[in-house]
N, C-alpha and C. Protein backbone atom coordinates (compact mmCIF):
# COMPACT_ATOMS: atom_id res chain seq x y z
N MET A 1 22.28 6.48 -20.46
CA MET A 1 23.14 6.49 -19.30
C MET A 1 24.12 5.32 -19.41
N SER A 2 25.37 5.56 -19.14
CA SER A 2 26.38 4.51 -19.25
C SER A 2 26.25 3.52 -18.10
N PHE A 3 26.81 2.35 -18.31
CA PHE A 3 26.77 1.30 -17.31
C PHE A 3 27.35 1.78 -15.98
N TRP A 4 28.49 2.48 -16.03
CA TRP A 4 29.14 2.93 -14.79
C TRP A 4 28.32 4.00 -14.09
N ASN A 5 27.66 4.84 -14.83
CA ASN A 5 26.79 5.84 -14.20
C ASN A 5 25.62 5.17 -13.51
N ILE A 6 25.11 4.11 -14.10
CA ILE A 6 24.02 3.35 -13.47
C ILE A 6 24.51 2.73 -12.18
N VAL A 7 25.68 2.08 -12.23
CA VAL A 7 26.24 1.43 -11.04
C VAL A 7 26.48 2.46 -9.94
N LYS A 8 27.03 3.63 -10.30
CA LYS A 8 27.30 4.67 -9.31
C LYS A 8 26.02 5.23 -8.70
N SER A 9 24.93 5.20 -9.46
CA SER A 9 23.68 5.77 -8.96
C SER A 9 22.86 4.79 -8.13
N LEU A 10 23.29 3.54 -8.06
CA LEU A 10 22.52 2.54 -7.32
C LEU A 10 22.48 2.85 -5.83
N ASN A 11 21.34 2.62 -5.25
CA ASN A 11 21.17 2.77 -3.82
C ASN A 11 21.22 1.37 -3.22
N TYR A 12 22.35 1.04 -2.62
CA TYR A 12 22.56 -0.32 -2.14
C TYR A 12 21.65 -0.68 -0.98
N ARG A 13 21.20 0.30 -0.22
CA ARG A 13 20.24 0.03 0.86
C ARG A 13 18.92 -0.47 0.27
N LYS A 14 18.49 0.14 -0.82
CA LYS A 14 17.25 -0.29 -1.46
C LYS A 14 17.40 -1.67 -2.10
N ILE A 15 18.57 -1.95 -2.66
CA ILE A 15 18.83 -3.28 -3.23
C ILE A 15 18.84 -4.32 -2.12
N PHE A 16 19.45 -4.00 -0.99
CA PHE A 16 19.49 -4.92 0.14
C PHE A 16 18.08 -5.21 0.64
N ARG A 17 17.22 -4.18 0.64
CA ARG A 17 15.83 -4.36 1.08
C ARG A 17 15.14 -5.42 0.22
N VAL A 18 15.35 -5.38 -1.09
CA VAL A 18 14.74 -6.39 -1.96
C VAL A 18 15.31 -7.77 -1.68
N PHE A 19 16.60 -7.84 -1.42
CA PHE A 19 17.22 -9.12 -1.08
C PHE A 19 16.58 -9.72 0.17
N VAL A 20 16.34 -8.89 1.18
CA VAL A 20 15.69 -9.35 2.41
C VAL A 20 14.27 -9.83 2.10
N TRP A 21 13.56 -9.06 1.27
CA TRP A 21 12.20 -9.48 0.89
C TRP A 21 12.24 -10.83 0.18
N PHE A 22 13.24 -11.03 -0.65
CA PHE A 22 13.38 -12.31 -1.35
C PHE A 22 13.52 -13.44 -0.33
N LEU A 23 14.33 -13.24 0.69
CA LEU A 23 14.50 -14.27 1.72
C LEU A 23 13.22 -14.50 2.51
N GLN A 24 12.47 -13.43 2.74
CA GLN A 24 11.22 -13.54 3.50
C GLN A 24 10.08 -14.12 2.67
N HIS A 25 10.07 -13.82 1.36
CA HIS A 25 8.95 -14.21 0.50
C HIS A 25 9.46 -14.75 -0.84
N PRO A 26 10.19 -15.85 -0.83
CA PRO A 26 10.79 -16.31 -2.10
C PRO A 26 9.75 -16.66 -3.16
N LEU A 27 8.60 -17.19 -2.77
CA LEU A 27 7.60 -17.54 -3.78
C LEU A 27 6.97 -16.29 -4.39
N PHE A 28 6.70 -15.29 -3.58
CA PHE A 28 6.19 -14.04 -4.12
C PHE A 28 7.23 -13.37 -5.02
N MET A 29 8.50 -13.46 -4.64
CA MET A 29 9.55 -12.86 -5.47
C MET A 29 9.63 -13.61 -6.81
N PHE A 30 9.55 -14.93 -6.76
CA PHE A 30 9.53 -15.72 -7.99
C PHE A 30 8.35 -15.30 -8.86
N ALA A 31 7.18 -15.14 -8.25
CA ALA A 31 5.98 -14.72 -8.98
C ALA A 31 6.18 -13.34 -9.60
N THR A 32 6.85 -12.46 -8.88
CA THR A 32 7.10 -11.10 -9.37
C THR A 32 8.01 -11.11 -10.58
N VAL A 33 9.07 -11.88 -10.52
CA VAL A 33 9.99 -11.97 -11.65
C VAL A 33 9.28 -12.55 -12.87
N LYS A 34 8.53 -13.60 -12.67
CA LYS A 34 7.79 -14.22 -13.78
C LYS A 34 6.80 -13.22 -14.38
N ALA A 35 6.06 -12.52 -13.53
CA ALA A 35 5.09 -11.53 -14.00
C ALA A 35 5.76 -10.38 -14.72
N THR A 36 6.94 -9.99 -14.26
CA THR A 36 7.67 -8.89 -14.90
C THR A 36 8.08 -9.26 -16.32
N PHE A 37 8.64 -10.44 -16.51
CA PHE A 37 9.03 -10.87 -17.85
C PHE A 37 7.82 -11.03 -18.76
N LEU A 38 6.73 -11.57 -18.22
CA LEU A 38 5.51 -11.74 -19.00
C LEU A 38 4.93 -10.38 -19.39
N THR A 39 4.95 -9.43 -18.49
CA THR A 39 4.46 -8.08 -18.76
C THR A 39 5.25 -7.43 -19.89
N ILE A 40 6.55 -7.51 -19.80
CA ILE A 40 7.39 -6.90 -20.84
C ILE A 40 7.13 -7.55 -22.19
N ARG A 41 7.00 -8.86 -22.20
CA ARG A 41 6.73 -9.57 -23.46
C ARG A 41 5.38 -9.15 -24.05
N ILE A 42 4.35 -9.09 -23.22
CA ILE A 42 3.02 -8.71 -23.70
C ILE A 42 3.01 -7.25 -24.16
N ALA A 43 3.62 -6.37 -23.38
CA ALA A 43 3.66 -4.95 -23.76
C ALA A 43 4.38 -4.76 -25.08
N GLN A 44 5.44 -5.51 -25.30
CA GLN A 44 6.18 -5.40 -26.55
C GLN A 44 5.35 -5.92 -27.73
N ILE A 45 4.56 -6.94 -27.51
CA ILE A 45 3.67 -7.47 -28.57
C ILE A 45 2.56 -6.46 -28.87
N GLU A 46 1.93 -5.95 -27.83
CA GLU A 46 0.79 -5.06 -27.99
C GLU A 46 1.20 -3.65 -28.45
N PHE A 47 2.35 -3.19 -27.97
CA PHE A 47 2.81 -1.83 -28.25
C PHE A 47 4.31 -1.85 -28.55
N PRO A 48 4.69 -2.35 -29.71
CA PRO A 48 6.12 -2.52 -30.00
C PRO A 48 6.92 -1.22 -29.84
N ASP A 49 7.90 -1.29 -28.97
CA ASP A 49 8.90 -0.22 -28.77
C ASP A 49 8.35 1.13 -28.33
N ILE A 50 7.10 1.20 -27.86
CA ILE A 50 6.59 2.51 -27.43
C ILE A 50 6.07 2.48 -25.99
N HIS A 51 6.19 1.37 -25.28
CA HIS A 51 5.57 1.27 -23.96
C HIS A 51 6.41 1.89 -22.85
N GLY A 52 7.47 2.59 -23.16
CA GLY A 52 8.29 3.23 -22.15
C GLY A 52 8.29 4.73 -22.25
N LYS A 53 7.27 5.31 -22.84
CA LYS A 53 7.30 6.74 -23.16
C LYS A 53 6.22 7.57 -22.49
N HIS A 54 5.73 7.18 -21.33
CA HIS A 54 4.72 7.93 -20.57
C HIS A 54 3.44 8.14 -21.37
N ASN A 55 3.12 7.21 -22.23
CA ASN A 55 1.94 7.28 -23.08
C ASN A 55 0.93 6.21 -22.65
N LYS A 56 -0.11 6.01 -23.47
CA LYS A 56 -1.11 5.00 -23.14
C LYS A 56 -0.49 3.62 -23.01
N ALA A 57 0.49 3.32 -23.83
CA ALA A 57 1.15 2.01 -23.77
C ALA A 57 1.83 1.82 -22.43
N ASN A 58 2.39 2.89 -21.89
CA ASN A 58 3.03 2.83 -20.57
C ASN A 58 1.99 2.60 -19.48
N ALA A 59 0.85 3.25 -19.60
CA ALA A 59 -0.24 3.04 -18.64
C ALA A 59 -0.68 1.58 -18.66
N PHE A 60 -0.81 1.02 -19.87
CA PHE A 60 -1.17 -0.39 -20.03
C PHE A 60 -0.14 -1.26 -19.33
N ARG A 61 1.14 -1.01 -19.58
CA ARG A 61 2.21 -1.85 -19.03
C ARG A 61 2.21 -1.83 -17.50
N HIS A 62 2.05 -0.65 -16.91
CA HIS A 62 2.06 -0.58 -15.44
C HIS A 62 0.85 -1.28 -14.83
N ALA A 63 -0.31 -1.07 -15.39
CA ALA A 63 -1.51 -1.74 -14.86
C ALA A 63 -1.39 -3.25 -15.04
N LEU A 64 -0.94 -3.68 -16.21
CA LEU A 64 -0.77 -5.11 -16.47
C LEU A 64 0.25 -5.72 -15.52
N TRP A 65 1.35 -5.01 -15.28
CA TRP A 65 2.39 -5.52 -14.39
C TRP A 65 1.82 -5.81 -13.00
N ASN A 66 1.07 -4.88 -12.45
CA ASN A 66 0.48 -5.08 -11.13
C ASN A 66 -0.55 -6.20 -11.15
N LEU A 67 -1.36 -6.23 -12.18
CA LEU A 67 -2.36 -7.27 -12.32
C LEU A 67 -1.69 -8.65 -12.37
N LEU A 68 -0.61 -8.77 -13.13
CA LEU A 68 0.06 -10.06 -13.28
C LEU A 68 0.89 -10.46 -12.05
N ILE A 69 1.48 -9.49 -11.36
CA ILE A 69 2.17 -9.83 -10.11
C ILE A 69 1.16 -10.41 -9.13
N ALA A 70 0.01 -9.75 -9.00
CA ALA A 70 -1.03 -10.25 -8.10
C ALA A 70 -1.51 -11.63 -8.55
N ASN A 71 -1.72 -11.80 -9.84
CA ASN A 71 -2.17 -13.08 -10.37
C ASN A 71 -1.17 -14.20 -10.09
N GLN A 72 0.10 -13.94 -10.37
CA GLN A 72 1.13 -14.96 -10.14
C GLN A 72 1.33 -15.22 -8.65
N SER A 73 1.28 -14.18 -7.84
CA SER A 73 1.46 -14.34 -6.39
C SER A 73 0.30 -15.09 -5.77
N ASN A 74 -0.88 -14.91 -6.34
CA ASN A 74 -2.08 -15.58 -5.82
C ASN A 74 -1.98 -17.09 -5.97
N LYS A 75 -1.09 -17.57 -6.80
CA LYS A 75 -0.87 -19.01 -6.94
C LYS A 75 -0.19 -19.59 -5.70
N PHE A 76 0.44 -18.73 -4.90
CA PHE A 76 1.16 -19.17 -3.72
C PHE A 76 0.49 -18.77 -2.41
N SER A 77 -0.62 -18.05 -2.50
CA SER A 77 -1.33 -17.61 -1.31
C SER A 77 -2.80 -17.41 -1.65
N THR A 78 -3.64 -17.84 -0.75
CA THR A 78 -5.08 -17.61 -0.94
C THR A 78 -5.52 -16.34 -0.22
N ASN A 79 -4.59 -15.66 0.42
CA ASN A 79 -4.89 -14.43 1.15
C ASN A 79 -4.76 -13.25 0.18
N LEU A 80 -5.89 -12.81 -0.35
CA LEU A 80 -5.89 -11.73 -1.34
C LEU A 80 -5.29 -10.45 -0.78
N GLU A 81 -5.54 -10.14 0.47
CA GLU A 81 -4.97 -8.93 1.07
C GLU A 81 -3.43 -9.00 1.07
N ALA A 82 -2.88 -10.15 1.39
CA ALA A 82 -1.42 -10.31 1.40
C ALA A 82 -0.86 -10.19 -0.01
N VAL A 83 -1.56 -10.75 -0.98
CA VAL A 83 -1.13 -10.67 -2.38
C VAL A 83 -1.13 -9.23 -2.86
N ILE A 84 -2.19 -8.50 -2.58
CA ILE A 84 -2.28 -7.09 -3.00
C ILE A 84 -1.24 -6.25 -2.26
N ALA A 85 -1.05 -6.52 -0.97
CA ALA A 85 -0.04 -5.78 -0.19
C ALA A 85 1.36 -6.03 -0.76
N TRP A 86 1.66 -7.28 -1.12
CA TRP A 86 2.95 -7.60 -1.72
C TRP A 86 3.13 -6.85 -3.04
N THR A 87 2.11 -6.90 -3.87
CA THR A 87 2.17 -6.25 -5.18
C THR A 87 2.42 -4.75 -5.02
N LYS A 88 1.72 -4.13 -4.10
CA LYS A 88 1.93 -2.70 -3.83
C LYS A 88 3.35 -2.45 -3.32
N LYS A 89 3.79 -3.26 -2.39
CA LYS A 89 5.11 -3.09 -1.78
C LYS A 89 6.22 -3.15 -2.84
N ILE A 90 6.17 -4.15 -3.71
CA ILE A 90 7.25 -4.33 -4.67
C ILE A 90 7.19 -3.29 -5.79
N THR A 91 6.00 -2.91 -6.21
CA THR A 91 5.91 -1.92 -7.30
C THR A 91 6.15 -0.51 -6.78
N ASP A 92 5.76 -0.23 -5.53
CA ASP A 92 6.13 1.06 -4.93
C ASP A 92 7.65 1.15 -4.79
N TRP A 93 8.27 0.04 -4.37
CA TRP A 93 9.73 0.00 -4.26
C TRP A 93 10.37 0.31 -5.61
N HIS A 94 9.83 -0.28 -6.66
CA HIS A 94 10.37 -0.04 -8.00
C HIS A 94 10.33 1.45 -8.35
N GLU A 95 9.22 2.10 -8.06
CA GLU A 95 9.09 3.52 -8.37
C GLU A 95 10.04 4.36 -7.53
N GLU A 96 10.31 3.92 -6.32
CA GLU A 96 11.26 4.61 -5.45
C GLU A 96 12.69 4.36 -5.93
N PHE A 97 12.96 3.14 -6.39
CA PHE A 97 14.31 2.75 -6.79
C PHE A 97 14.73 3.35 -8.12
N SER A 98 13.82 3.33 -9.08
CA SER A 98 14.18 3.84 -10.41
C SER A 98 13.75 5.29 -10.53
N PRO A 99 14.71 6.20 -10.63
CA PRO A 99 14.37 7.62 -10.63
C PRO A 99 13.51 8.01 -11.83
N ASN A 100 12.57 8.90 -11.56
CA ASN A 100 11.63 9.35 -12.57
C ASN A 100 11.24 10.78 -12.23
N MET A 101 10.82 11.54 -13.21
CA MET A 101 10.30 12.87 -12.95
C MET A 101 9.01 12.73 -12.13
N GLU A 102 8.67 13.78 -11.39
CA GLU A 102 7.54 13.69 -10.45
C GLU A 102 6.23 13.27 -11.12
N MET A 103 5.87 13.91 -12.21
CA MET A 103 4.60 13.56 -12.88
C MET A 103 4.62 12.12 -13.39
N ALA A 104 5.74 11.69 -13.93
CA ALA A 104 5.85 10.32 -14.43
C ALA A 104 5.73 9.32 -13.28
N LYS A 105 6.35 9.62 -12.16
CA LYS A 105 6.26 8.75 -10.99
C LYS A 105 4.82 8.68 -10.48
N LEU A 106 4.16 9.83 -10.39
CA LEU A 106 2.76 9.86 -9.95
C LEU A 106 1.88 9.06 -10.90
N MET A 107 2.12 9.21 -12.20
CA MET A 107 1.36 8.46 -13.20
C MET A 107 1.57 6.96 -13.00
N ASP A 108 2.82 6.54 -12.83
CA ASP A 108 3.11 5.12 -12.66
C ASP A 108 2.46 4.57 -11.40
N LEU A 109 2.56 5.29 -10.30
CA LEU A 109 1.94 4.85 -9.05
C LEU A 109 0.42 4.74 -9.21
N HIS A 110 -0.17 5.71 -9.90
CA HIS A 110 -1.62 5.70 -10.14
C HIS A 110 -2.02 4.47 -10.96
N ASN A 111 -1.32 4.24 -12.08
CA ASN A 111 -1.66 3.10 -12.94
C ASN A 111 -1.36 1.77 -12.26
N ASN A 112 -0.35 1.74 -11.40
CA ASN A 112 -0.09 0.53 -10.61
C ASN A 112 -1.29 0.22 -9.72
N ALA A 113 -1.82 1.24 -9.06
CA ALA A 113 -2.98 1.05 -8.18
C ALA A 113 -4.20 0.59 -8.98
N ILE A 114 -4.37 1.14 -10.17
CA ILE A 114 -5.48 0.70 -11.03
C ILE A 114 -5.31 -0.79 -11.36
N GLY A 115 -4.10 -1.20 -11.69
CA GLY A 115 -3.85 -2.61 -12.00
C GLY A 115 -4.18 -3.52 -10.83
N ARG A 116 -3.84 -3.11 -9.62
CA ARG A 116 -4.17 -3.94 -8.45
C ARG A 116 -5.68 -4.03 -8.26
N GLN A 117 -6.37 -2.91 -8.44
CA GLN A 117 -7.83 -2.93 -8.30
C GLN A 117 -8.47 -3.80 -9.39
N LEU A 118 -7.93 -3.71 -10.59
CA LEU A 118 -8.47 -4.54 -11.67
C LEU A 118 -8.27 -6.02 -11.37
N TYR A 119 -7.16 -6.38 -10.75
CA TYR A 119 -6.97 -7.78 -10.38
C TYR A 119 -8.05 -8.21 -9.38
N ILE A 120 -8.32 -7.37 -8.40
CA ILE A 120 -9.37 -7.70 -7.43
C ILE A 120 -10.69 -7.91 -8.16
N ASP A 121 -10.99 -7.05 -9.12
CA ASP A 121 -12.25 -7.14 -9.86
C ASP A 121 -12.28 -8.32 -10.83
N TRP A 122 -11.14 -8.67 -11.41
CA TRP A 122 -11.11 -9.65 -12.51
C TRP A 122 -10.36 -10.93 -12.16
N GLN A 123 -10.09 -11.21 -10.92
CA GLN A 123 -9.15 -12.27 -10.57
C GLN A 123 -9.47 -13.65 -11.14
N GLU A 124 -10.68 -13.92 -11.48
CA GLU A 124 -11.03 -15.24 -12.01
C GLU A 124 -10.85 -15.35 -13.53
N GLN A 125 -10.40 -14.29 -14.17
CA GLN A 125 -10.29 -14.27 -15.63
C GLN A 125 -8.98 -14.90 -16.12
N SER A 126 -8.92 -15.18 -17.42
CA SER A 126 -7.72 -15.72 -18.04
C SER A 126 -6.79 -14.59 -18.47
N LEU A 127 -5.56 -14.94 -18.82
CA LEU A 127 -4.59 -13.94 -19.26
C LEU A 127 -5.10 -13.20 -20.50
N THR A 128 -5.65 -13.92 -21.44
CA THR A 128 -6.17 -13.29 -22.66
C THR A 128 -7.29 -12.32 -22.32
N THR A 129 -8.14 -12.69 -21.41
CA THR A 129 -9.23 -11.81 -21.00
C THR A 129 -8.68 -10.59 -20.27
N TYR A 130 -7.66 -10.78 -19.42
CA TYR A 130 -7.02 -9.63 -18.76
C TYR A 130 -6.57 -8.61 -19.80
N ILE A 131 -5.90 -9.10 -20.82
CA ILE A 131 -5.37 -8.20 -21.85
C ILE A 131 -6.50 -7.47 -22.57
N ASP A 132 -7.53 -8.21 -22.95
CA ASP A 132 -8.67 -7.60 -23.65
C ASP A 132 -9.37 -6.57 -22.77
N LEU A 133 -9.62 -6.92 -21.51
CA LEU A 133 -10.30 -6.00 -20.60
C LEU A 133 -9.44 -4.76 -20.33
N LEU A 134 -8.14 -4.98 -20.21
CA LEU A 134 -7.23 -3.86 -19.97
C LEU A 134 -7.16 -2.94 -21.18
N LYS A 135 -7.21 -3.50 -22.38
CA LYS A 135 -7.22 -2.67 -23.59
C LYS A 135 -8.52 -1.85 -23.66
N THR A 136 -9.62 -2.43 -23.20
CA THR A 136 -10.87 -1.68 -23.14
C THR A 136 -10.74 -0.53 -22.14
N ALA A 137 -10.17 -0.82 -20.98
CA ALA A 137 -9.95 0.24 -19.98
C ALA A 137 -9.02 1.31 -20.53
N LEU A 138 -8.06 0.90 -21.33
CA LEU A 138 -7.11 1.83 -21.91
C LEU A 138 -7.79 2.79 -22.90
N SER A 139 -8.85 2.32 -23.54
CA SER A 139 -9.56 3.20 -24.48
C SER A 139 -10.21 4.38 -23.77
N LYS A 140 -10.37 4.28 -22.44
CA LYS A 140 -10.94 5.36 -21.64
C LYS A 140 -9.87 6.13 -20.87
N ALA A 141 -8.61 5.82 -21.14
CA ALA A 141 -7.51 6.49 -20.43
C ALA A 141 -7.53 7.98 -20.71
N THR A 142 -7.05 8.73 -19.73
CA THR A 142 -7.11 10.19 -19.80
C THR A 142 -5.69 10.76 -19.69
N ILE A 143 -5.43 11.75 -20.52
CA ILE A 143 -4.15 12.45 -20.44
C ILE A 143 -4.19 13.44 -19.28
N VAL A 144 -3.10 13.52 -18.53
CA VAL A 144 -3.02 14.48 -17.44
C VAL A 144 -1.87 15.45 -17.70
N THR A 145 -2.08 16.67 -17.26
CA THR A 145 -1.04 17.69 -17.47
C THR A 145 -0.63 18.36 -16.16
N HIS A 146 -1.44 18.17 -15.10
CA HIS A 146 -1.15 18.80 -13.81
C HIS A 146 -1.39 17.79 -12.68
N LYS A 147 -0.70 17.97 -11.59
CA LYS A 147 -0.88 17.07 -10.44
C LYS A 147 -2.32 17.08 -9.96
N SER A 148 -3.00 18.19 -10.07
CA SER A 148 -4.38 18.29 -9.60
C SER A 148 -5.32 17.39 -10.40
N ASP A 149 -4.92 17.00 -11.61
CA ASP A 149 -5.76 16.12 -12.44
C ASP A 149 -5.93 14.73 -11.83
N PHE A 150 -4.96 14.29 -11.05
CA PHE A 150 -4.96 12.92 -10.53
C PHE A 150 -6.15 12.62 -9.63
N LYS A 151 -6.51 13.57 -8.78
CA LYS A 151 -7.57 13.27 -7.81
C LYS A 151 -8.93 13.07 -8.46
N ASN A 152 -9.14 13.59 -9.66
CA ASN A 152 -10.42 13.44 -10.34
C ASN A 152 -10.49 12.18 -11.19
N LEU A 153 -9.40 11.45 -11.27
CA LEU A 153 -9.33 10.30 -12.19
C LEU A 153 -8.97 9.01 -11.46
N LYS A 154 -9.51 8.82 -10.29
CA LYS A 154 -9.13 7.68 -9.44
C LYS A 154 -9.39 6.33 -10.08
N ASN A 155 -10.35 6.23 -10.97
CA ASN A 155 -10.71 4.94 -11.56
C ASN A 155 -10.29 4.79 -13.01
N ASN A 156 -9.54 5.75 -13.52
CA ASN A 156 -9.11 5.72 -14.92
C ASN A 156 -7.61 5.52 -15.03
N LEU A 157 -7.21 4.80 -16.06
CA LEU A 157 -5.80 4.81 -16.42
C LEU A 157 -5.46 6.20 -16.91
N ILE A 158 -4.23 6.62 -16.68
CA ILE A 158 -3.82 7.95 -17.10
C ILE A 158 -2.48 7.87 -17.80
N TYR A 159 -2.20 8.92 -18.58
CA TYR A 159 -0.91 9.00 -19.27
C TYR A 159 -0.55 10.47 -19.44
N LEU A 160 0.72 10.72 -19.79
CA LEU A 160 1.22 12.09 -19.86
C LEU A 160 1.33 12.65 -21.26
N ARG A 161 1.61 11.79 -22.22
CA ARG A 161 1.76 12.29 -23.60
C ARG A 161 1.30 11.23 -24.59
N LYS A 162 0.97 11.73 -25.76
CA LYS A 162 0.49 10.84 -26.84
C LYS A 162 1.61 10.13 -27.52
């Protein structure tokens, strides 16, 4: 997609919403940006050039992103519920903002939720341990082909294609 097509497709109301969130929660927004760059760097190391293709690497990246946003945000708040709510809010916004096919969006939302739950379960772990544990969870990831598959896989990472 060309630069101008991207600019024309932007929803300025959604961009404004993030700007307001930044003003309301600057430390959480800082944590989100830091976690986003760290996630991309780790995903590129672990899965060079393939983590954007609705595959297992994509499932890893989405779960890691949520886990790391929560981890970084937790440095600014001891309220775990607020941290998880922030992480959900910003990653749900991302899925709403960046257009995706329905199954891909459902997959991303599912893996985002898994990442938040994994943070709750693993919050005392180190970054290296997060990656190792997430790779273990990824070994149990399941491919989905229909929307009905999602309800049976609430605790598994999922992906759409190999």
